[in-house]
Protein backbone atom coordinates (compact mmCIF):
# COMPACT_ATOMS: atom_id res chain seq x y z
CA MET A 1 84.28 -10.99 -72.83
CA THR A 2 86.48 -13.59 -71.32
CA LYS A 3 86.10 -17.16 -70.92
CA THR A 4 84.77 -17.08 -67.35
CA ARG A 5 82.27 -13.99 -67.96
CA SER A 6 81.26 -16.05 -71.19
CA GLY A 7 80.38 -19.06 -68.34
CA TYR A 8 78.40 -16.86 -66.40
CA LEU A 9 76.66 -15.83 -68.89
CA ILE A 10 75.62 -18.82 -70.32
CA GLY A 11 74.77 -19.99 -66.75
CA LEU A 12 72.79 -17.64 -66.42
CA ILE A 13 70.52 -17.74 -69.79
CA VAL A 14 70.11 -21.47 -69.16
CA SER A 15 68.56 -20.55 -65.41
CA SER A 16 66.49 -18.13 -66.77
CA PHE A 17 64.92 -20.27 -68.80
CA ALA A 18 64.40 -22.52 -66.08
CA ALA A 19 62.90 -19.82 -63.85
CA VAL A 20 60.59 -18.87 -66.40
CA LEU A 21 59.55 -22.49 -66.90
CA THR A 22 59.47 -23.40 -63.21
CA THR A 23 57.44 -20.10 -62.73
CA VAL A 24 54.52 -20.67 -65.35
CA LEU A 25 54.44 -24.24 -64.12
CA ALA A 26 53.58 -23.13 -60.84
CA LEU A 27 51.41 -20.84 -61.44
CA PHE A 28 49.55 -23.10 -64.35
CA TYR A 29 49.58 -25.58 -61.09
CA LEU A 30 47.89 -23.31 -59.02
CA GLN A 31 45.66 -22.48 -61.05
CA ALA A 32 44.43 -26.06 -61.75
CA LYS A 33 44.51 -26.73 -58.19
CA LEU A 34 41.64 -23.38 -58.00
CA VAL A 35 39.48 -24.93 -60.90
CA ARG A 36 39.42 -28.38 -59.11
CA CYS A 37 38.42 -27.07 -55.36
CA TRP A 38 36.18 -24.21 -56.71
CA MET A 39 33.98 -27.49 -58.90
CA SER A 40 34.30 -29.86 -55.73
CA LEU A 41 33.49 -26.75 -52.98
CA GLY A 42 36.87 -27.52 -50.99
CA CYS A 43 40.28 -28.23 -50.83
CA PRO A 44 40.49 -31.13 -48.24
CA ASP A 45 43.58 -32.79 -49.16
CA ASP A 46 45.34 -29.76 -50.37
CA ASN A 47 49.30 -30.08 -50.99
CA SER A 48 50.09 -27.78 -53.20
CA GLY A 49 52.78 -26.17 -50.60
CA THR A 50 54.71 -29.97 -51.26
CA VAL A 51 53.90 -29.53 -54.91
CA LEU A 52 55.73 -26.04 -55.09
CA LEU A 53 58.39 -26.93 -52.85
CA LEU A 54 59.20 -29.77 -54.69
CA MET A 55 59.38 -27.36 -58.46
CA LEU A 56 61.71 -24.90 -56.35
CA GLY A 57 63.81 -28.13 -55.16
CA ALA A 58 64.02 -28.72 -58.79
CA TYR A 59 64.82 -25.30 -59.91
CA LEU A 60 67.58 -25.18 -57.42
CA LEU A 61 69.05 -28.62 -58.28
CA VAL A 62 68.96 -27.23 -62.03
CA ALA A 63 70.79 -24.38 -60.96
CA ALA A 64 73.54 -26.31 -58.98
CA VAL A 65 74.07 -28.38 -61.62
CA VAL A 66 74.66 -25.36 -64.39
CA ALA A 67 76.88 -23.72 -61.73
CA PHE A 68 79.59 -26.88 -61.08
CA LEU A 69 79.31 -27.69 -65.18
CA VAL A 70 79.74 -23.57 -65.67
CA GLN A 71 82.72 -24.11 -63.01
CA ARG A 72 84.53 -26.86 -64.51
CA ILE A 73 84.30 -25.85 -68.63
CA PHE A 74 84.75 -22.06 -67.82
CA ASN A 75 86.66 -22.54 -64.85
CA SER A 76 84.16 -20.31 -63.15
CA ARG A 77 83.72 -19.44 -59.30
CA VAL A 78 81.10 -22.15 -58.36
CA LEU A 79 79.35 -19.90 -55.68
CA VAL A 80 79.52 -17.03 -58.00
CA ALA A 81 77.95 -18.74 -60.60
CA LEU A 82 75.32 -20.19 -58.16
CA LEU A 83 74.19 -16.95 -57.04
CA LEU A 84 73.44 -15.81 -60.65
CA ASN A 85 72.03 -18.59 -61.45
CA VAL A 86 69.23 -18.38 -58.86
CA ALA A 87 69.12 -14.51 -59.21
CA PRO A 88 66.29 -15.44 -62.16
CA LEU A 89 63.82 -16.67 -59.76
CA VAL A 90 64.30 -14.10 -57.01
CA VAL A 91 63.27 -11.28 -59.78
CA ILE A 92 60.92 -13.03 -61.28
CA ILE A 93 59.06 -13.91 -57.68
CA THR A 94 59.86 -9.95 -56.27
CA GLY A 95 58.14 -8.83 -59.64
CA LEU A 96 55.15 -11.55 -59.30
CA PHE A 97 54.80 -9.60 -55.73
CA LEU A 98 55.41 -6.09 -56.46
CA TRP A 99 52.50 -6.85 -59.43
CA SER A 100 49.95 -8.25 -57.28
CA ALA A 101 50.41 -5.57 -54.87
CA TYR A 102 50.04 -2.96 -57.27
CA ARG A 103 47.06 -4.57 -58.54
CA GLU A 104 45.66 -4.80 -55.07
CA TYR A 105 45.85 -1.01 -54.61
CA ALA A 106 45.11 0.04 -57.87
CA TYR A 107 41.53 -1.86 -57.21
CA ARG A 108 41.10 -0.37 -53.57
CA ALA A 109 41.85 3.46 -55.01
CA ASP A 110 39.54 2.34 -58.14
CA LEU A 111 36.58 1.06 -55.47
CA HIS A 112 36.91 4.46 -53.32
CA ARG A 113 36.71 6.20 -56.46
CA ALA A 114 33.70 4.49 -57.11
CA ARG A 115 31.79 4.95 -53.75
CA VAL A 116 32.96 8.71 -53.77
CA THR A 117 31.19 8.93 -57.32
CA ALA A 118 28.04 6.68 -56.40
CA ILE A 119 27.54 9.33 -52.85
CA SER A 120 27.13 11.77 -55.29
CA ASP A 121 25.32 10.38 -58.11
CA ALA A 122 22.45 9.36 -55.19
CA PRO A 123 20.73 12.37 -55.33
CA ALA A 124 19.77 12.07 -58.76
CA ILE A 125 18.59 8.03 -59.05
CA HIS A 126 15.11 7.75 -58.30
CA LEU A 127 13.81 4.74 -57.70
CA GLY A 128 10.14 3.20 -58.43
CA GLU A 129 8.20 0.50 -57.50
CA PRO A 130 9.68 -2.96 -58.17
CA PHE A 131 7.20 -5.76 -59.91
CA VAL A 132 8.40 -9.44 -60.98
CA LYS A 133 7.46 -11.34 -64.02
CA ALA A 134 6.79 -15.31 -63.57
CA VAL A 135 7.84 -17.66 -65.82
CA ASP A 136 8.08 -21.82 -65.61
CA ASP A 137 11.69 -23.30 -65.94
CA PRO A 138 11.62 -25.63 -69.15
CA GLY A 139 13.16 -28.34 -66.31
CA GLY A 140 10.91 -27.53 -63.72
CA GLY A 141 10.82 -24.74 -61.21
CA VAL A 142 10.19 -21.09 -61.22
CA THR A 143 11.88 -18.21 -61.79
CA LEU A 144 10.79 -14.87 -61.09
CA PHE A 145 12.01 -11.70 -62.72
CA VAL A 146 12.47 -9.13 -59.62
CA HIS A 147 12.91 -5.40 -61.93
CA VAL A 148 12.96 -1.90 -59.98
CA PRO A 149 12.04 0.72 -62.52
CA PHE A 150 14.39 4.32 -61.77
CA THR A 151 15.35 7.38 -63.50
CA VAL A 152 17.81 9.65 -63.16
CA ASP A 153 17.79 13.22 -63.29
CA ARG A 154 21.41 13.71 -64.82
CA ILE A 155 24.48 11.73 -66.20
CA VAL A 156 25.33 9.10 -63.55
CA GLN A 157 27.68 6.34 -63.62
CA ALA A 158 26.06 2.71 -63.92
CA ARG A 159 28.37 1.41 -61.10
CA SER A 160 26.76 3.53 -58.79
CA LEU A 161 23.30 1.31 -58.85
CA ASN A 162 25.53 -1.62 -58.12
CA ILE A 163 27.09 -0.47 -55.39
CA LEU A 164 24.04 1.99 -53.79
CA ALA A 165 21.27 -0.71 -54.08
CA THR A 166 20.61 -3.20 -50.87
CA ARG A 167 22.38 -6.77 -52.23
CA GLY A 168 21.30 -8.73 -49.42
CA ASP A 169 19.08 -12.25 -50.25
CA LEU A 170 16.36 -10.96 -51.33
CA ALA A 171 14.36 -14.15 -50.58
CA ALA A 172 15.57 -13.73 -46.30
CA ASN A 173 12.29 -12.29 -45.46
CA ALA A 174 10.34 -12.07 -48.05
CA ARG A 175 6.85 -14.66 -48.79
CA TYR A 176 6.51 -15.76 -52.26
CA ALA A 177 4.32 -18.57 -52.09
CA ALA A 178 1.89 -20.29 -49.08
CA SER A 179 3.78 -24.08 -49.89
CA PRO A 180 7.37 -23.87 -47.72
CA GLU A 181 9.03 -25.99 -51.18
CA CYS A 182 8.23 -23.02 -53.15
CA ASN A 183 9.53 -20.40 -51.06
CA SER A 184 13.17 -21.04 -51.20
CA SER A 185 15.43 -19.52 -53.88
CA PHE A 186 18.86 -18.70 -55.28
CA SER A 187 19.69 -15.20 -56.98
CA THR A 188 21.70 -14.23 -60.25
CA PRO A 189 23.70 -12.03 -60.25
CA PRO A 190 23.78 -13.22 -56.57
CA TYR A 191 25.92 -10.20 -55.59
CA GLY A 192 23.69 -7.97 -56.55
CA PHE A 193 21.47 -6.40 -59.65
CA HIS A 194 22.12 -6.04 -63.77
CA VAL A 195 21.38 -2.76 -64.79
CA VAL A 196 18.77 -2.92 -67.98
CA ASP A 197 17.10 -0.70 -70.07
CA ARG A 198 13.75 -3.09 -70.57
CA GLN A 199 11.82 -5.71 -69.34
CA TYR A 200 13.15 -9.20 -68.91
CA SER A 201 11.04 -12.80 -68.49
CA GLU A 202 14.29 -14.53 -69.81
CA PRO A 203 17.46 -14.46 -68.58
CA PRO A 204 19.69 -11.36 -69.80
CA LEU A 205 23.06 -13.42 -69.91
CA PRO A 206 23.67 -16.62 -70.80
CA SER A 207 23.94 -19.22 -67.51
CA TYR A 208 27.46 -20.40 -68.20
CA MET A 209 28.53 -16.44 -68.20
CA SER A 210 29.05 -14.24 -65.10
CA GLY A 211 29.20 -10.57 -64.33
CA MET A 212 26.75 -8.51 -64.12
CA LYS A 213 25.34 -7.03 -67.14
CA VAL A 214 25.28 -3.13 -67.46
CA VAL A 215 23.32 -1.38 -70.49
CA SER A 216 25.78 1.16 -70.48
CA GLU A 217 28.49 2.56 -68.30
CA GLN A 218 26.68 6.16 -67.99
CA LEU A 219 23.32 6.74 -67.66
CA ALA A 220 21.30 9.36 -68.97
CA PRO A 221 18.29 11.02 -67.78
CA ASN A 222 14.81 10.96 -69.63
CA ARG A 223 14.79 6.97 -70.14
CA GLN A 224 13.68 4.23 -68.10
CA TYR A 225 16.00 1.72 -66.45
CA TYR A 226 15.90 -1.31 -64.65
CA LEU A 227 17.32 -3.32 -61.46
CA LEU A 228 16.79 -6.80 -62.25
CA ARG A 229 17.80 -9.62 -60.45
CA GLU A 230 16.53 -13.62 -61.19
CA LEU A 231 15.22 -15.38 -58.01
CA HIS A 232 15.19 -18.99 -58.89
CA PHE A 233 12.91 -21.51 -57.60
CA SER A 234 14.14 -24.75 -58.47
CA TYR A 235 11.59 -27.05 -56.79
CA SER A 236 10.12 -29.17 -59.77
CA MET A 237 6.28 -29.17 -58.29
CA CYS A 238 6.16 -25.07 -58.47
CA ARG A 239 4.18 -23.31 -61.09
CA THR A 240 3.52 -19.50 -61.82
CA SER A 241 0.02 -19.85 -60.07
CA ASP A 242 1.68 -20.64 -56.59
CA TYR A 243 3.53 -16.88 -57.04
CA GLU A 244 -0.21 -14.68 -58.00
CA ASP A 245 -0.68 -13.42 -54.35
CA PHE A 246 3.41 -12.34 -53.78
CA ASP A 247 3.30 -9.25 -53.15
CA PRO A 248 6.92 -7.12 -54.42
CA LYS A 249 6.57 -4.79 -52.17
CA GLN A 250 7.87 -6.98 -49.93
CA LEU A 251 11.66 -6.64 -51.31
CA ASN A 252 11.90 -2.73 -50.28
CA VAL A 253 14.87 -2.26 -52.78
CA ALA A 254 16.57 1.19 -51.67
CA LEU A 255 19.87 2.97 -52.07
CA ASP A 256 22.18 2.30 -49.28
CA VAL A 257 23.94 5.66 -49.06
CA ALA A 258 24.87 5.01 -45.06
CA GLY A 259 26.20 2.33 -45.78
CA ALA A 260 28.31 3.19 -48.56
CA GLN A 261 29.62 6.08 -46.90
CA GLY A 262 30.50 4.18 -43.90
CA ARG A 263 33.08 1.66 -46.09
CA LEU A 264 34.16 5.02 -47.50
CA GLU A 265 35.36 6.18 -43.93
CA GLN A 266 36.36 2.52 -43.06
CA ARG A 267 38.96 2.73 -45.91
């Protein structure tokens, strides 16, 4: 290997290390920024663009300095060395964009298959009448555990229930209590239901965890299952006695096959 090529190789190795370090720092920064924005419910002073540009500028400065040193020590061409030194970051950024595009494509393809499966599973799913278990929260307020029993005629995917079951705000049109203070709630999970195989009077997941609880990926016939959703009424003066006259039939949980079909056609 000639002296000039050795200089190019050394510069490429140093700049590759700098590119990896820059990428890792940028990803950590964006993740930390996302967490701060989520905790503060917004990013009014978002300066992430400026910080990322500074990181890019620092990397380009390192690449330029390395190219200059390679030229002085190994008699390499500055322009060729600079192009080689910048190439690692270009490759990494291109790879990240391609990986992101692939993940988006894979997600959409998986969701499409799940919707097709859900529409096929719908005739085999039979929902029963919803019922509620009310418990007083230790810190004040009440939690209603909404149960919708259902059975299946054949093996179906639990994910089909999450796709088909109407998941709008259950509290939107229902009258839970005569007192207005006891009629406002928030739900868990906020986007749908848990799929469980027993009745609950306490949360099926710890409060610090997120996600849908699924008893099994596949649901078998001749077994009792439930769609479960927690409605939390946080007003401290509310008690379970305030909800004794609540009629769970107001919730009107159903399988929205037409909606799933419409989302499938919009793909």
